[in-house]
């Protein structure tokens, strides 16, 4: 099977050094394997996605020396497909509507809890007994985690990243405690979460290896569960180190000082960027 990976940014701000590192690592791995590198635009955040940020993504990545197959998959063009998959889970009784606001969730989490212990910030299940027929505009759709893991053997995935290398086994109790009833459909009708959309896209695009930052390691367990529930293939995962600022904090899009476009404007070269993020120069044999 041909090594196939992807870089999947959201057009909600400028790409920074952390994005550059992730894209370069994925691109280098694809080149070294004689494989394929795809670009996906995850633009389902309709409130924040902007066309000019998408254009800058293309410009920054080309300047870095990356190339990718066309056409580029844009998630905003596949909302009906994502929603149909979400409704499949709903028809199986694995999804329910939720009207809780963040303040409601905080209040519920601060109250004494009985039954299944849950990790910090995990949704307490306030709306879990609501049927889909009660869904109202503005409701999110949540996965019923307890029902989803009941009666199935826990799937596994392979990890090649430096921190979690090896065979990883899902654990039902930990999924319930540490992830809980995750949001799969956001409050906008026919707008699904990144977690579900990326699972669907990875399968449709034939992604064999997902290369991304180690901050997304835990969400992999939810995605692998969804792959099992939807009978989709599970890629190999590679969670690489994060690029951090001088204080050790993970870079975010608000860190404009670390934006690739800013370094370009100051006269940096693509090889300078590779050096900044700790990557070797591209071998001449590529």
Protein backbone atom coordinates (compact mmCIF):
# COMPACT_ATOMS: atom_id res chain seq x y z
CA UNK A 1 0.00 0.00 0.00
CA UNK A 2 1.39 3.39 -1.01
CA UNK A 3 2.39 5.62 1.91
CA UNK A 4 -0.17 8.45 1.87
CA UNK A 5 -0.29 11.30 4.35
CA UNK A 6 -1.80 14.76 4.57
CA UNK A 7 -1.43 18.20 6.09
CA UNK A 8 -4.79 19.61 7.14
CA UNK A 9 -4.70 23.25 8.30
CA UNK A 10 -7.69 25.44 9.12
CA UNK A 11 -7.83 28.83 7.32
CA UNK A 12 -8.47 30.79 10.50
CA UNK A 13 -5.15 32.59 10.79
CA UNK A 14 -1.54 32.58 9.57
CA UNK A 15 0.55 29.43 9.55
CA UNK A 16 3.35 29.57 12.15
CA UNK A 17 6.54 27.60 12.75
CA UNK A 18 4.60 24.75 14.34
CA UNK A 19 2.55 24.34 11.18
CA UNK A 20 5.71 24.51 9.09
CA UNK A 21 7.30 21.75 11.14
CA UNK A 22 4.27 19.46 10.87
CA UNK A 23 3.88 20.01 7.14
CA UNK A 24 7.59 19.51 6.48
CA UNK A 25 7.77 16.33 8.56
CA UNK A 26 4.78 14.86 6.72
CA UNK A 27 6.15 15.94 3.33
CA UNK A 28 9.62 14.56 4.11
CA UNK A 29 8.17 11.22 5.24
CA UNK A 30 6.10 10.93 2.06
CA UNK A 31 9.12 11.74 -0.11
CA UNK A 32 11.37 9.29 1.72
CA UNK A 33 8.77 6.53 1.24
CA UNK A 34 8.08 7.36 -2.41
CA UNK A 35 4.53 8.09 -1.31
CA UNK A 36 1.85 10.75 -1.61
CA UNK A 37 1.38 14.04 0.23
CA UNK A 38 -2.08 15.61 0.25
CA UNK A 39 -3.29 19.02 1.39
CA UNK A 40 -6.70 19.29 3.01
CA UNK A 41 -8.38 22.56 4.01
CA UNK A 42 -10.42 22.06 7.19
CA UNK A 43 -12.75 25.05 6.82
CA UNK A 44 -15.87 23.88 8.66
CA UNK A 45 -15.48 26.67 11.23
CA UNK A 46 -17.66 28.99 9.20
CA UNK A 47 -17.43 31.81 11.74
CA UNK A 48 -13.64 32.07 11.55
CA UNK A 49 -12.53 30.61 8.19
CA UNK A 50 -11.45 33.22 5.68
CA UNK A 51 -10.54 32.97 1.99
CA UNK A 52 -7.44 35.15 2.37
CA UNK A 53 -6.03 32.83 5.04
CA UNK A 54 -6.59 29.86 2.73
CA UNK A 55 -4.70 31.62 -0.07
CA UNK A 56 -1.85 32.37 2.31
CA UNK A 57 -1.69 28.69 3.29
CA UNK A 58 -1.04 27.77 -0.34
CA UNK A 59 1.52 30.56 -0.72
CA UNK A 60 3.41 29.70 2.47
CA UNK A 61 3.57 25.96 1.72
CA UNK A 62 4.75 26.48 -1.87
CA UNK A 63 7.45 28.85 -0.59
CA UNK A 64 8.58 26.12 1.84
CA UNK A 65 9.07 23.84 -1.15
CA UNK A 66 6.07 21.58 -0.64
CA UNK A 67 3.97 20.20 -3.45
CA UNK A 68 0.72 18.26 -3.28
CA UNK A 69 -1.87 16.56 -5.43
CA UNK A 70 -4.83 18.38 -6.93
CA UNK A 71 -7.61 19.02 -6.35
CA UNK A 72 -7.32 20.05 -2.72
CA UNK A 73 -10.14 18.71 -0.55
CA UNK A 74 -12.04 21.55 1.12
CA UNK A 75 -14.27 20.32 3.93
CA UNK A 76 -16.88 23.04 3.42
CA UNK A 77 -17.74 21.32 0.12
CA UNK A 78 -18.54 18.00 1.83
CA UNK A 79 -20.88 18.99 4.67
CA UNK A 80 -23.77 16.89 3.35
CA UNK A 81 -21.58 13.78 3.33
CA UNK A 82 -20.40 14.39 6.89
CA UNK A 83 -23.93 15.01 8.12
CA UNK A 84 -25.19 11.81 6.45
CA UNK A 85 -22.54 9.83 8.33
CA UNK A 86 -23.48 11.54 11.57
CA UNK A 87 -27.12 10.60 11.01
CA UNK A 88 -26.06 6.97 10.55
CA UNK A 89 -24.70 7.04 14.09
CA UNK A 90 -27.87 8.77 15.28
CA UNK A 91 -30.05 6.07 13.72
CA UNK A 92 -28.11 3.48 15.72
CA UNK A 93 -28.87 5.37 18.94
CA UNK A 94 -25.26 6.45 19.45
CA UNK A 95 -25.85 10.22 19.23
CA UNK A 96 -28.09 12.58 21.17
CA UNK A 97 -28.89 16.32 21.09
CA UNK A 98 -27.43 18.59 23.74
CA UNK A 99 -28.52 22.12 24.59
CA UNK A 100 -26.05 22.68 27.44
CA UNK A 101 -24.09 25.89 27.47
CA UNK A 102 -20.56 26.05 28.81
CA UNK A 103 -21.86 27.60 32.03
CA UNK A 104 -24.31 24.71 32.44
CA UNK A 105 -21.51 22.20 32.03
CA UNK A 106 -19.27 24.00 34.50
CA UNK A 107 -22.08 24.07 37.07
CA UNK A 108 -22.78 20.36 36.60
CA UNK A 109 -19.11 19.46 36.90
CA UNK A 110 -18.78 21.44 40.12
CA UNK A 111 -21.67 19.55 41.75
CA UNK A 112 -21.11 16.26 43.64
CA UNK A 113 -21.06 13.37 41.13
CA UNK A 114 -22.31 9.82 41.55
CA UNK A 115 -21.63 6.74 39.47
CA UNK A 116 -18.94 6.57 36.83
CA UNK A 117 -15.95 8.79 37.72
CA UNK A 118 -14.92 11.24 35.00
CA UNK A 119 -11.82 13.20 34.17
CA UNK A 120 -11.56 16.98 34.49
CA UNK A 121 -13.80 18.81 32.05
CA UNK A 122 -15.52 15.68 30.69
CA UNK A 123 -19.18 16.27 29.88
CA UNK A 124 -21.37 14.91 32.74
CA UNK A 125 -24.15 13.54 30.49
CA UNK A 126 -26.88 16.04 31.37
CA UNK A 127 -28.75 15.60 28.07
CA UNK A 128 -27.91 11.94 27.48
CA UNK A 129 -31.49 10.71 27.77
CA UNK A 130 -32.84 13.08 25.14
CA UNK A 131 -34.07 11.43 21.91
CA UNK A 132 -33.03 12.76 18.52
CA UNK A 133 -36.65 13.75 17.94
CA UNK A 134 -36.19 16.48 20.56
CA UNK A 135 -33.37 18.19 18.67
CA UNK A 136 -33.78 21.94 18.35
CA UNK A 137 -31.86 24.56 16.33
CA UNK A 138 -28.76 25.40 18.30
CA UNK A 139 -28.38 21.94 19.84
CA UNK A 140 -25.05 20.16 19.54
CA UNK A 141 -24.94 16.42 18.84
CA UNK A 142 -22.93 14.28 21.22
CA UNK A 143 -21.66 10.72 21.00
CA UNK A 144 -23.07 8.48 23.72
CA UNK A 145 -19.73 7.02 24.76
CA UNK A 146 -21.05 4.41 27.18
CA UNK A 147 -23.39 3.02 24.55
CA UNK A 148 -20.74 3.22 21.83
CA UNK A 149 -18.18 1.08 23.67
CA UNK A 150 -20.69 -1.44 25.00
CA UNK A 151 -20.37 -4.91 23.50
CA UNK A 152 -17.49 -4.25 21.11
CA UNK A 153 -13.90 -5.40 21.33
CA UNK A 154 -11.61 -2.45 21.76
CA UNK A 155 -9.66 -1.61 18.57
CA UNK A 156 -5.94 -0.93 18.36
CA UNK A 157 -3.76 1.38 16.29
CA UNK A 158 -0.07 1.62 15.52
CA UNK A 159 1.93 4.66 16.58
CA UNK A 160 5.36 5.54 15.18
CA UNK A 161 5.90 8.85 16.97
CA UNK A 162 8.80 9.12 19.41
CA UNK A 163 6.72 9.50 22.58
CA UNK A 164 4.08 6.77 22.16
CA UNK A 165 5.72 4.36 19.72
CA UNK A 166 4.19 0.92 19.30
CA UNK A 167 0.81 -0.80 19.38
CA UNK A 168 -1.84 1.24 21.23
CA UNK A 169 -4.90 -0.45 22.74
CA UNK A 170 -8.11 1.44 23.39
CA UNK A 171 -9.68 1.03 26.82
CA UNK A 172 -13.44 1.42 27.28
CA UNK A 173 -13.21 2.71 30.85
CA UNK A 174 -10.64 5.34 29.91
CA UNK A 175 -12.71 6.48 26.92
CA UNK A 176 -15.67 7.02 29.23
CA UNK A 177 -13.63 8.69 31.96
CA UNK A 178 -11.20 10.84 29.96
CA UNK A 179 -13.07 11.64 26.72
CA UNK A 180 -16.73 11.08 27.48
CA UNK A 181 -19.62 12.19 25.28
CA UNK A 182 -17.70 14.19 22.69
CA UNK A 183 -19.42 16.68 20.39
CA UNK A 184 -19.68 15.31 16.84
CA UNK A 185 -22.14 17.85 15.45
CA UNK A 186 -21.75 21.50 16.27
CA UNK A 187 -24.61 23.86 16.92
CA UNK A 188 -24.91 24.90 13.30
CA UNK A 189 -27.19 22.49 11.44
CA UNK A 190 -25.22 20.17 9.12
CA UNK A 191 -21.86 21.23 10.55
CA UNK A 192 -19.86 18.41 12.12
CA UNK A 193 -16.83 18.51 14.36
CA UNK A 194 -13.25 18.24 13.18
CA UNK A 195 -12.99 14.82 14.84
CA UNK A 196 -15.67 13.20 12.70
CA UNK A 197 -14.91 15.07 9.45
CA UNK A 198 -11.23 14.11 9.58
CA UNK A 199 -12.09 10.43 10.14
CA UNK A 200 -14.36 10.45 7.09
CA UNK A 201 -11.79 12.31 4.96
CA UNK A 202 -8.87 10.10 5.98
CA UNK A 203 -10.85 7.08 4.79
CA UNK A 204 -12.08 8.65 1.55
CA UNK A 205 -8.60 9.91 0.65
CA UNK A 206 -6.85 6.63 1.43
CA UNK A 207 -4.65 8.09 4.17
CA UNK A 208 -2.29 5.40 5.45
CA UNK A 209 -0.31 7.57 7.87
CA UNK A 210 -1.55 10.54 9.91
CA UNK A 211 1.33 12.85 10.84
CA UNK A 212 0.55 15.55 13.42
CA UNK A 213 1.54 17.07 16.78
CA UNK A 214 1.59 15.11 20.02
CA UNK A 215 -1.06 17.47 21.46
CA UNK A 216 -3.59 15.51 19.36
CA UNK A 217 -2.55 12.12 20.68
CA UNK A 218 -5.50 11.62 23.05
CA UNK A 219 -8.10 12.55 20.42
CA UNK A 220 -6.74 9.66 18.35
CA UNK A 221 -8.50 7.24 20.70
CA UNK A 222 -11.85 8.84 19.87
CA UNK A 223 -11.07 8.81 16.16
CA UNK A 224 -10.06 5.15 16.20
CA UNK A 225 -13.30 4.32 18.00
CA UNK A 226 -15.27 6.19 15.34
CA UNK A 227 -13.41 4.28 12.65
CA UNK A 228 -14.50 1.06 14.32
CA UNK A 229 -18.12 2.19 14.65
CA UNK A 230 -18.22 3.31 10.99
CA UNK A 231 -16.27 0.29 9.66
CA UNK A 232 -13.51 2.53 8.30
CA UNK A 233 -9.77 1.69 8.05
CA UNK A 234 -7.42 2.87 10.78
CA UNK A 235 -4.21 4.60 9.61
CA UNK A 236 -0.84 4.45 11.29
CA UNK A 237 -0.40 7.52 13.51
CA UNK A 238 2.78 9.54 13.99
CA UNK A 239 2.57 12.22 16.69
CA UNK A 240 5.65 14.40 16.53
CA UNK A 241 7.07 16.88 19.03
CA UNK A 242 5.66 20.39 19.27
CA UNK A 243 7.39 23.65 18.41
CA UNK A 244 7.27 25.92 21.44
CA UNK A 245 8.06 29.54 22.23
CA UNK A 246 10.85 30.73 24.51
CA UNK A 247 8.63 30.14 27.56
CA UNK A 248 7.93 26.55 26.50
CA UNK A 249 4.37 27.24 25.42
CA UNK A 250 2.92 25.59 22.32
CA UNK A 251 2.61 28.02 19.41
CA UNK A 252 -0.87 29.21 18.40
CA UNK A 253 -2.19 31.24 15.48
CA UNK A 254 -2.24 34.35 17.63
CA UNK A 255 1.58 34.14 17.71
CA UNK A 256 1.97 36.36 14.67
CA UNK A 257 5.64 36.91 15.48
CA UNK A 258 6.20 33.24 14.59
CA UNK A 259 4.15 33.39 11.38
CA UNK A 260 5.83 31.95 8.28
CA UNK A 261 4.83 35.04 6.29
CA UNK A 262 6.65 37.22 8.81
CA UNK A 263 9.88 35.29 8.42
CA UNK A 264 9.51 35.45 4.66
CA UNK A 265 9.07 39.22 4.81
CA UNK A 266 12.26 39.50 6.90
CA UNK A 267 14.27 37.65 4.23
CA UNK A 268 14.44 34.16 5.70
CA UNK A 269 14.83 31.23 3.32
CA UNK A 270 12.98 27.90 3.40
CA UNK A 271 16.20 26.27 4.62
CA UNK A 272 16.31 28.83 7.45
CA UNK A 273 12.85 27.66 8.52
CA UNK A 274 13.98 24.03 8.49
CA UNK A 275 16.91 24.98 10.72
CA UNK A 276 14.67 26.94 13.11
CA UNK A 277 12.43 23.92 13.67
CA UNK A 278 15.29 21.45 13.96
CA UNK A 279 15.05 19.71 10.59
CA UNK A 280 17.99 18.80 8.40
CA UNK A 281 18.31 20.28 4.89
CA UNK A 282 16.45 18.37 2.19
CA UNK A 283 18.78 15.71 0.74
CA UNK A 284 19.82 16.42 -2.83
CA UNK A 285 18.61 12.93 -3.83
CA UNK A 286 14.96 13.96 -3.24
